[in-house]
């Protein structure tokens, strides 16, 4: 669990487009996936330490989940204080410019930031309902013809309480679930201005992935 009381900021990440064809989503029907390794949380209240551990491992750093939990102050039963999530990401991953965003206060490009980060090859942390944290490492998306911003079709994430890797949610479920995030500022910095070079001609492959219910 993640302790959120007066949280005004959240976790979010996006990346630049690396696709060279008109379809976004590689190896269809599976979506583009950075290959973040799934790691289960070792206690009922260590979702933040586990999520940071997955991000750190992706960056090439190996830390014990218990060491991360100690640093971010994860305690039973409340979990990790929200204010410590960003400092934990900065301490244990390669992203020293991690920043938080709240979904409805993170700007019109909130979700475009997330896609931009993935396109740049950088995962991010997403917060569910102000109390659970997952590590996002892939998905499918397209460019909105009206705003020019990236929008999700499907999000792939590593959930430390799931029974295995690659949980997923379609765009509607993701918007309902994700209310905050922690993301690399540099990896997501072009989210407002970076447009898909193929504009409105982009096609998105389908997927058989489904949201895992707990």
C-alpha atoms as a PDB file:
ATOM      1  CA  UNK A   1       0.000   0.000   0.000  1.00  0.00           C
ATOM      2  CA  UNK A   2       1.019   3.603  -0.581  1.00  0.00           C
ATOM      3  CA  UNK A   3       0.256   6.189   2.055  1.00  0.00           C
ATOM      4  CA  UNK A   4      -1.413   9.170   0.349  1.00  0.00           C
ATOM      5  CA  UNK A   5      -2.816  11.958   2.487  1.00  0.00           C
ATOM      6  CA  UNK A   6      -2.201  15.422   1.058  1.00  0.00           C
ATOM      7  CA  UNK A   7      -0.700  14.189  -2.188  1.00  0.00           C
ATOM      8  CA  UNK A   8      -0.860  16.889  -4.856  1.00  0.00           C
ATOM      9  CA  UNK A   9       1.622  15.320  -7.212  1.00  0.00           C
ATOM     10  CA  UNK A  10       1.910  11.941  -8.924  1.00  0.00           C
ATOM     11  CA  UNK A  11       3.904   9.447 -10.952  1.00  0.00           C
ATOM     12  CA  UNK A  12       4.104   9.644 -14.700  1.00  0.00           C
ATOM     13  CA  UNK A  13       6.438   8.865 -17.646  1.00  0.00           C
ATOM     14  CA  UNK A  14       6.518   9.163 -21.448  1.00  0.00           C
ATOM     15  CA  UNK A  15       8.900   8.590 -24.397  1.00  0.00           C
ATOM     16  CA  UNK A  16       9.766   9.548 -27.977  1.00  0.00           C
ATOM     17  CA  UNK A  17       8.577   7.501 -30.937  1.00  0.00           C
ATOM     18  CA  UNK A  18      11.032   4.973 -32.300  1.00  0.00           C
ATOM     19  CA  UNK A  19       8.713   3.224 -34.759  1.00  0.00           C
ATOM     20  CA  UNK A  20       9.780   3.305 -38.387  1.00  0.00           C
ATOM     21  CA  UNK A  21       6.538   1.958 -39.847  1.00  0.00           C
ATOM     22  CA  UNK A  22       2.959   3.162 -39.856  1.00  0.00           C
ATOM     23  CA  UNK A  23       1.877   0.689 -37.181  1.00  0.00           C
ATOM     24  CA  UNK A  24       2.614   1.414 -33.540  1.00  0.00           C
ATOM     25  CA  UNK A  25       2.799  -1.706 -31.434  1.00  0.00           C
ATOM     26  CA  UNK A  26       5.551  -4.155 -32.272  1.00  0.00           C
ATOM     27  CA  UNK A  27       5.296  -7.881 -32.951  1.00  0.00           C
ATOM     28  CA  UNK A  28       1.455  -7.697 -32.997  1.00  0.00           C
ATOM     29  CA  UNK A  29      -0.798  -8.657 -31.425  1.00  0.00           C
ATOM     30  CA  UNK A  30       1.474  -7.951 -28.459  1.00  0.00           C
ATOM     31  CA  UNK A  31       2.144  -4.239 -27.795  1.00  0.00           C
ATOM     32  CA  UNK A  32       5.553  -2.600 -27.636  1.00  0.00           C
ATOM     33  CA  UNK A  33       7.273  -3.672 -24.422  1.00  0.00           C
ATOM     34  CA  UNK A  34      10.525  -2.400 -22.909  1.00  0.00           C
ATOM     35  CA  UNK A  35      11.033  -5.714 -21.145  1.00  0.00           C
ATOM     36  CA  UNK A  36      10.865  -4.523 -17.545  1.00  0.00           C
ATOM     37  CA  UNK A  37      11.279  -7.599 -15.345  1.00  0.00           C
ATOM     38  CA  UNK A  38       8.336  -8.434 -13.088  1.00  0.00           C
ATOM     39  CA  UNK A  39       9.198  -8.748  -9.382  1.00  0.00           C
ATOM     40  CA  UNK A  40       6.559  -9.500  -6.702  1.00  0.00           C
ATOM     41  CA  UNK A  41       6.353  -7.364  -3.587  1.00  0.00           C
ATOM     42  CA  UNK A  42       7.689  -9.204  -0.568  1.00  0.00           C
ATOM     43  CA  UNK A  43       5.135  -7.858   1.915  1.00  0.00           C
ATOM     44  CA  UNK A  44       1.577  -6.580   1.582  1.00  0.00           C
ATOM     45  CA  UNK A  45       2.753  -2.960   1.941  1.00  0.00           C
ATOM     46  CA  UNK A  46       5.918  -2.970  -0.210  1.00  0.00           C
ATOM     47  CA  UNK A  47       4.402  -2.109  -3.601  1.00  0.00           C
ATOM     48  CA  UNK A  48       6.520   1.058  -3.851  1.00  0.00           C
ATOM     49  CA  UNK A  49       9.829  -0.699  -3.025  1.00  0.00           C
ATOM     50  CA  UNK A  50       8.991  -3.477  -5.518  1.00  0.00           C
ATOM     51  CA  UNK A  51       8.028  -1.006  -8.262  1.00  0.00           C
ATOM     52  CA  UNK A  52      11.244   0.963  -7.738  1.00  0.00           C
ATOM     53  CA  UNK A  53      13.227  -2.294  -7.672  1.00  0.00           C
ATOM     54  CA  UNK A  54      11.839  -3.222 -11.098  1.00  0.00           C
ATOM     55  CA  UNK A  55      12.734   0.177 -12.538  1.00  0.00           C
ATOM     56  CA  UNK A  56      16.218   0.025 -10.987  1.00  0.00           C
ATOM     57  CA  UNK A  57      16.844  -3.445 -12.397  1.00  0.00           C
ATOM     58  CA  UNK A  58      15.818  -2.228 -15.849  1.00  0.00           C
ATOM     59  CA  UNK A  59      18.446   0.521 -15.467  1.00  0.00           C
ATOM     60  CA  UNK A  60      21.057  -2.086 -14.549  1.00  0.00           C
ATOM     61  CA  UNK A  61      21.078  -1.651 -10.775  1.00  0.00           C
ATOM     62  CA  UNK A  62      20.429  -4.480  -8.336  1.00  0.00           C
ATOM     63  CA  UNK A  63      19.131  -3.595  -4.876  1.00  0.00           C
ATOM     64  CA  UNK A  64      17.383  -5.669  -2.237  1.00  0.00           C
ATOM     65  CA  UNK A  65      13.717  -4.808  -1.874  1.00  0.00           C
ATOM     66  CA  UNK A  66      14.270  -4.505   1.861  1.00  0.00           C
ATOM     67  CA  UNK A  67      16.962  -1.851   1.338  1.00  0.00           C
ATOM     68  CA  UNK A  68      14.627   0.198  -0.843  1.00  0.00           C
ATOM     69  CA  UNK A  69      11.812  -0.227   1.698  1.00  0.00           C
ATOM     70  CA  UNK A  70      14.056   1.036   4.469  1.00  0.00           C
ATOM     71  CA  UNK A  71      15.145   4.078   2.455  1.00  0.00           C
ATOM     72  CA  UNK A  72      11.595   5.134   1.493  1.00  0.00           C
ATOM     73  CA  UNK A  73      10.238   4.503   4.975  1.00  0.00           C
ATOM     74  CA  UNK A  74       7.741   1.755   4.117  1.00  0.00           C
ATOM     75  CA  UNK A  75       6.018   0.642   7.324  1.00  0.00           C
ATOM     76  CA  UNK A  76       3.075  -1.617   8.130  1.00  0.00           C
ATOM     77  CA  UNK A  77       0.253  -1.234   7.531  1.00  0.00           C
ATOM     78  CA  UNK A  78       0.253   2.190   5.826  1.00  0.00           C
ATOM     79  CA  UNK A  79       3.095   1.554   3.385  1.00  0.00           C
ATOM     80  CA  UNK A  80       5.299   4.256   1.862  1.00  0.00           C
ATOM     81  CA  UNK A  81       4.725   7.993   2.488  1.00  0.00           C
ATOM     82  CA  UNK A  82       3.893   9.610  -0.862  1.00  0.00           C
ATOM     83  CA  UNK A  83       6.575  12.248  -0.424  1.00  0.00           C
ATOM     84  CA  UNK A  84       9.265   9.531  -0.406  1.00  0.00           C
ATOM     85  CA  UNK A  85       8.417   7.922  -3.753  1.00  0.00           C
ATOM     86  CA  UNK A  86      10.289  10.430  -5.920  1.00  0.00           C
ATOM     87  CA  UNK A  87      13.346  10.400  -3.653  1.00  0.00           C
ATOM     88  CA  UNK A  88      13.366   6.602  -3.858  1.00  0.00           C
ATOM     89  CA  UNK A  89      13.286   6.659  -7.658  1.00  0.00           C
ATOM     90  CA  UNK A  90      16.105   9.222  -7.738  1.00  0.00           C
ATOM     91  CA  UNK A  91      18.190   7.213  -5.264  1.00  0.00           C
ATOM     92  CA  UNK A  92      17.874   3.768  -6.867  1.00  0.00           C
ATOM     93  CA  UNK A  93      17.361   4.314 -10.622  1.00  0.00           C
ATOM     94  CA  UNK A  94      19.345   6.113 -13.317  1.00  0.00           C
ATOM     95  CA  UNK A  95      16.662   8.800 -13.607  1.00  0.00           C
ATOM     96  CA  UNK A  96      17.871  11.612 -11.348  1.00  0.00           C
ATOM     97  CA  UNK A  97      15.258  14.011 -12.743  1.00  0.00           C
ATOM     98  CA  UNK A  98      12.186  12.090 -11.595  1.00  0.00           C
ATOM     99  CA  UNK A  99       9.121  14.267 -10.976  1.00  0.00           C
ATOM    100  CA  UNK A 100       5.535  13.588  -9.815  1.00  0.00           C
ATOM    101  CA  UNK A 101       2.264  14.458 -11.536  1.00  0.00           C
ATOM    102  CA  UNK A 102      -1.403  14.083 -10.649  1.00  0.00           C
ATOM    103  CA  UNK A 103      -3.625  12.908 -13.484  1.00  0.00           C
ATOM    104  CA  UNK A 104      -6.067  15.805 -13.435  1.00  0.00           C
ATOM    105  CA  UNK A 105      -3.419  18.369 -12.553  1.00  0.00           C
ATOM    106  CA  UNK A 106      -0.556  17.243 -14.763  1.00  0.00           C
ATOM    107  CA  UNK A 107      -1.519  19.197 -17.847  1.00  0.00           C
ATOM    108  CA  UNK A 108      -3.337  18.236 -21.048  1.00  0.00           C
ATOM    109  CA  UNK A 109      -0.351  16.134 -22.070  1.00  0.00           C
ATOM    110  CA  UNK A 110      -0.374  13.934 -18.944  1.00  0.00           C
ATOM    111  CA  UNK A 111      -0.881  10.691 -20.873  1.00  0.00           C
ATOM    112  CA  UNK A 112       1.225  11.902 -23.781  1.00  0.00           C
ATOM    113  CA  UNK A 113       4.074  12.250 -21.270  1.00  0.00           C
ATOM    114  CA  UNK A 114       3.701   8.572 -20.470  1.00  0.00           C
ATOM    115  CA  UNK A 115       3.834   7.475 -24.099  1.00  0.00           C
ATOM    116  CA  UNK A 116       6.768   9.802 -24.791  1.00  0.00           C
ATOM    117  CA  UNK A 117       8.717   8.249 -21.915  1.00  0.00           C
ATOM    118  CA  UNK A 118       8.098   4.724 -23.183  1.00  0.00           C
ATOM    119  CA  UNK A 119       9.112   5.813 -26.678  1.00  0.00           C
ATOM    120  CA  UNK A 120      12.343   7.098 -25.146  1.00  0.00           C
ATOM    121  CA  UNK A 121      12.937   3.704 -23.532  1.00  0.00           C
ATOM    122  CA  UNK A 122      12.317   4.850 -19.950  1.00  0.00           C
ATOM    123  CA  UNK A 123       9.695   3.181 -17.710  1.00  0.00           C
ATOM    124  CA  UNK A 124       7.732   5.101 -15.084  1.00  0.00           C
ATOM    125  CA  UNK A 125       5.716   4.495 -11.933  1.00  0.00           C
ATOM    126  CA  UNK A 126       1.935   4.780 -11.994  1.00  0.00           C
ATOM    127  CA  UNK A 127      -0.278   5.106  -8.922  1.00  0.00           C
ATOM    128  CA  UNK A 128      -3.663   3.380  -8.740  1.00  0.00           C
ATOM    129  CA  UNK A 129      -6.425   4.948  -6.660  1.00  0.00           C
ATOM    130  CA  UNK A 130      -3.877   6.732  -4.440  1.00  0.00           C
ATOM    131  CA  UNK A 131      -2.803   3.471  -2.826  1.00  0.00           C
ATOM    132  CA  UNK A 132      -1.035   1.052  -5.159  1.00  0.00           C
ATOM    133  CA  UNK A 133       2.021   1.504  -7.412  1.00  0.00           C
ATOM    134  CA  UNK A 134       3.031  -0.351 -10.596  1.00  0.00           C
ATOM    135  CA  UNK A 135       5.894  -0.008 -13.096  1.00  0.00           C
ATOM    136  CA  UNK A 136       4.830   0.807 -16.654  1.00  0.00           C
ATOM    137  CA  UNK A 137       6.978  -0.493 -19.495  1.00  0.00           C
ATOM    138  CA  UNK A 138       4.957  -0.599 -22.688  1.00  0.00           C
ATOM    139  CA  UNK A 139       1.708  -0.438 -24.574  1.00  0.00           C
ATOM    140  CA  UNK A 140       0.023   0.700 -27.766  1.00  0.00           C
ATOM    141  CA  UNK A 141      -0.877   4.272 -28.689  1.00  0.00           C
ATOM    142  CA  UNK A 142      -1.734   6.661 -31.488  1.00  0.00           C
ATOM    143  CA  UNK A 143      -1.653  10.396 -32.168  1.00  0.00           C
ATOM    144  CA  UNK A 144      -4.867  12.310 -31.577  1.00  0.00           C
ATOM    145  CA  UNK A 145      -5.853  14.090 -34.802  1.00  0.00           C
ATOM    146  CA  UNK A 146      -7.243  17.090 -32.914  1.00  0.00           C
ATOM    147  CA  UNK A 147      -4.623  17.750 -30.240  1.00  0.00           C
ATOM    148  CA  UNK A 148      -1.583  16.164 -31.881  1.00  0.00           C
ATOM    149  CA  UNK A 149      -0.812  14.440 -28.564  1.00  0.00           C
ATOM    150  CA  UNK A 150      -0.100  10.770 -27.994  1.00  0.00           C
ATOM    151  CA  UNK A 151      -2.991   8.842 -26.451  1.00  0.00           C
ATOM    152  CA  UNK A 152      -3.048   5.295 -25.103  1.00  0.00           C
ATOM    153  CA  UNK A 153      -4.913   2.391 -26.633  1.00  0.00           C
ATOM    154  CA  UNK A 154      -3.457  -0.196 -24.253  1.00  0.00           C
ATOM    155  CA  UNK A 155      -0.999   0.063 -21.348  1.00  0.00           C
ATOM    156  CA  UNK A 156       1.302  -2.803 -20.265  1.00  0.00           C
ATOM    157  CA  UNK A 157       2.656  -2.688 -16.723  1.00  0.00           C
ATOM    158  CA  UNK A 158       4.368  -4.820 -14.103  1.00  0.00           C
ATOM    159  CA  UNK A 159       2.132  -5.119 -11.049  1.00  0.00           C
ATOM    160  CA  UNK A 160       3.988  -6.367  -7.945  1.00  0.00           C
ATOM    161  CA  UNK A 161       0.814  -7.976  -6.535  1.00  0.00           C
ATOM    162  CA  UNK A 162      -0.047  -9.806  -9.772  1.00  0.00           C
ATOM    163  CA  UNK A 163       0.642 -13.492 -10.324  1.00  0.00           C
ATOM    164  CA  UNK A 164       3.043 -12.830 -13.183  1.00  0.00           C
ATOM    165  CA  UNK A 165       4.370 -10.284 -15.685  1.00  0.00           C
ATOM    166  CA  UNK A 166       2.657  -8.025 -18.211  1.00  0.00           C
ATOM    167  CA  UNK A 167      -0.643  -6.955 -16.725  1.00  0.00           C
ATOM    168  CA  UNK A 168      -2.557  -4.667 -19.069  1.00  0.00           C
ATOM    169  CA  UNK A 169      -5.420  -2.200 -19.246  1.00  0.00           C
ATOM    170  CA  UNK A 170      -7.152  -0.572 -22.182  1.00  0.00           C
ATOM    171  CA  UNK A 171      -7.282   3.213 -22.345  1.00  0.00           C
ATOM    172  CA  UNK A 172     -10.612   3.568 -20.537  1.00  0.00           C
ATOM    173  CA  UNK A 173      -9.598   1.325 -17.658  1.00  0.00           C
ATOM    174  CA  UNK A 174      -6.192   3.016 -17.447  1.00  0.00           C
ATOM    175  CA  UNK A 175      -7.743   6.470 -17.057  1.00  0.00           C
ATOM    176  CA  UNK A 176     -10.017   5.095 -14.335  1.00  0.00           C
ATOM    177  CA  UNK A 177      -7.116   3.399 -12.515  1.00  0.00           C
ATOM    178  CA  UNK A 178      -4.179   5.803 -12.861  1.00  0.00           C
ATOM    179  CA  UNK A 179      -4.503   8.960 -10.768  1.00  0.00           C
ATOM    180  CA  UNK A 180      -0.818   9.915 -10.382  1.00  0.00           C
ATOM    181  CA  UNK A 181       2.676   9.019 -11.534  1.00  0.00           C
ATOM    182  CA  UNK A 182       6.425   9.533 -11.136  1.00  0.00           C
ATOM    183  CA  UNK A 183       8.322  10.008 -14.374  1.00  0.00           C
ATOM    184  CA  UNK A 184      11.629  11.206 -15.792  1.00  0.00           C
ATOM    185  CA  UNK A 185      11.327  14.892 -16.700  1.00  0.00           C
ATOM    186  CA  UNK A 186      13.770  14.617 -19.602  1.00  0.00           C
ATOM    187  CA  UNK A 187      12.219  11.436 -21.004  1.00  0.00           C
ATOM    188  CA  UNK A 188       8.795  13.081 -21.133  1.00  0.00           C
ATOM    189  CA  UNK A 189       9.801  16.654 -21.941  1.00  0.00           C
ATOM    190  CA  UNK A 190       8.703  16.609 -25.589  1.00  0.00           C
ATOM    191  CA  UNK A 191       5.226  15.257 -24.874  1.00  0.00           C
ATOM    192  CA  UNK A 192       3.467  18.515 -25.713  1.00  0.00           C
ATOM    193  CA  UNK A 193       5.240  19.254 -28.987  1.00  0.00           C
ATOM    194  CA  UNK A 194       6.487  15.922 -30.354  1.00  0.00           C
ATOM    195  CA  UNK A 195       4.112  14.687 -33.066  1.00  0.00           C
ATOM    196  CA  UNK A 196       4.056  11.302 -34.714  1.00  0.00           C
ATOM    197  CA  UNK A 197       5.676  11.752 -38.124  1.00  0.00           C
ATOM    198  CA  UNK A 198       2.831   9.822 -39.738  1.00  0.00           C
ATOM    199  CA  UNK A 199       0.120  12.070 -38.291  1.00  0.00           C
ATOM    200  CA  UNK A 200      -3.418  10.792 -38.678  1.00  0.00           C
ATOM    201  CA  UNK A 201      -2.377   7.879 -40.892  1.00  0.00           C
ATOM    202  CA  UNK A 202      -1.144   5.760 -37.996  1.00  0.00           C
ATOM    203  CA  UNK A 203      -2.813   2.406 -37.500  1.00  0.00           C
ATOM    204  CA  UNK A 204      -2.736   0.561 -34.176  1.00  0.00           C
ATOM    205  CA  UNK A 205      -2.646  -3.213 -34.078  1.00  0.00           C
ATOM    206  CA  UNK A 206      -5.215  -5.007 -31.985  1.00  0.00           C
ATOM    207  CA  UNK A 207      -4.506  -6.960 -28.823  1.00  0.00           C
ATOM    208  CA  UNK A 208      -5.985  -9.813 -26.852  1.00  0.00           C
ATOM    209  CA  UNK A 209      -4.638  -8.444 -23.569  1.00  0.00           C
ATOM    210  CA  UNK A 210      -7.159  -7.886 -20.802  1.00  0.00           C
ATOM    211  CA  UNK A 211      -7.082  -6.005 -17.515  1.00  0.00           C
ATOM    212  CA  UNK A 212      -6.288  -8.330 -14.638  1.00  0.00           C
ATOM    213  CA  UNK A 213      -8.801  -7.962 -11.800  1.00  0.00           C
ATOM    214  CA  UNK A 214      -7.734  -8.345  -8.150  1.00  0.00           C
END
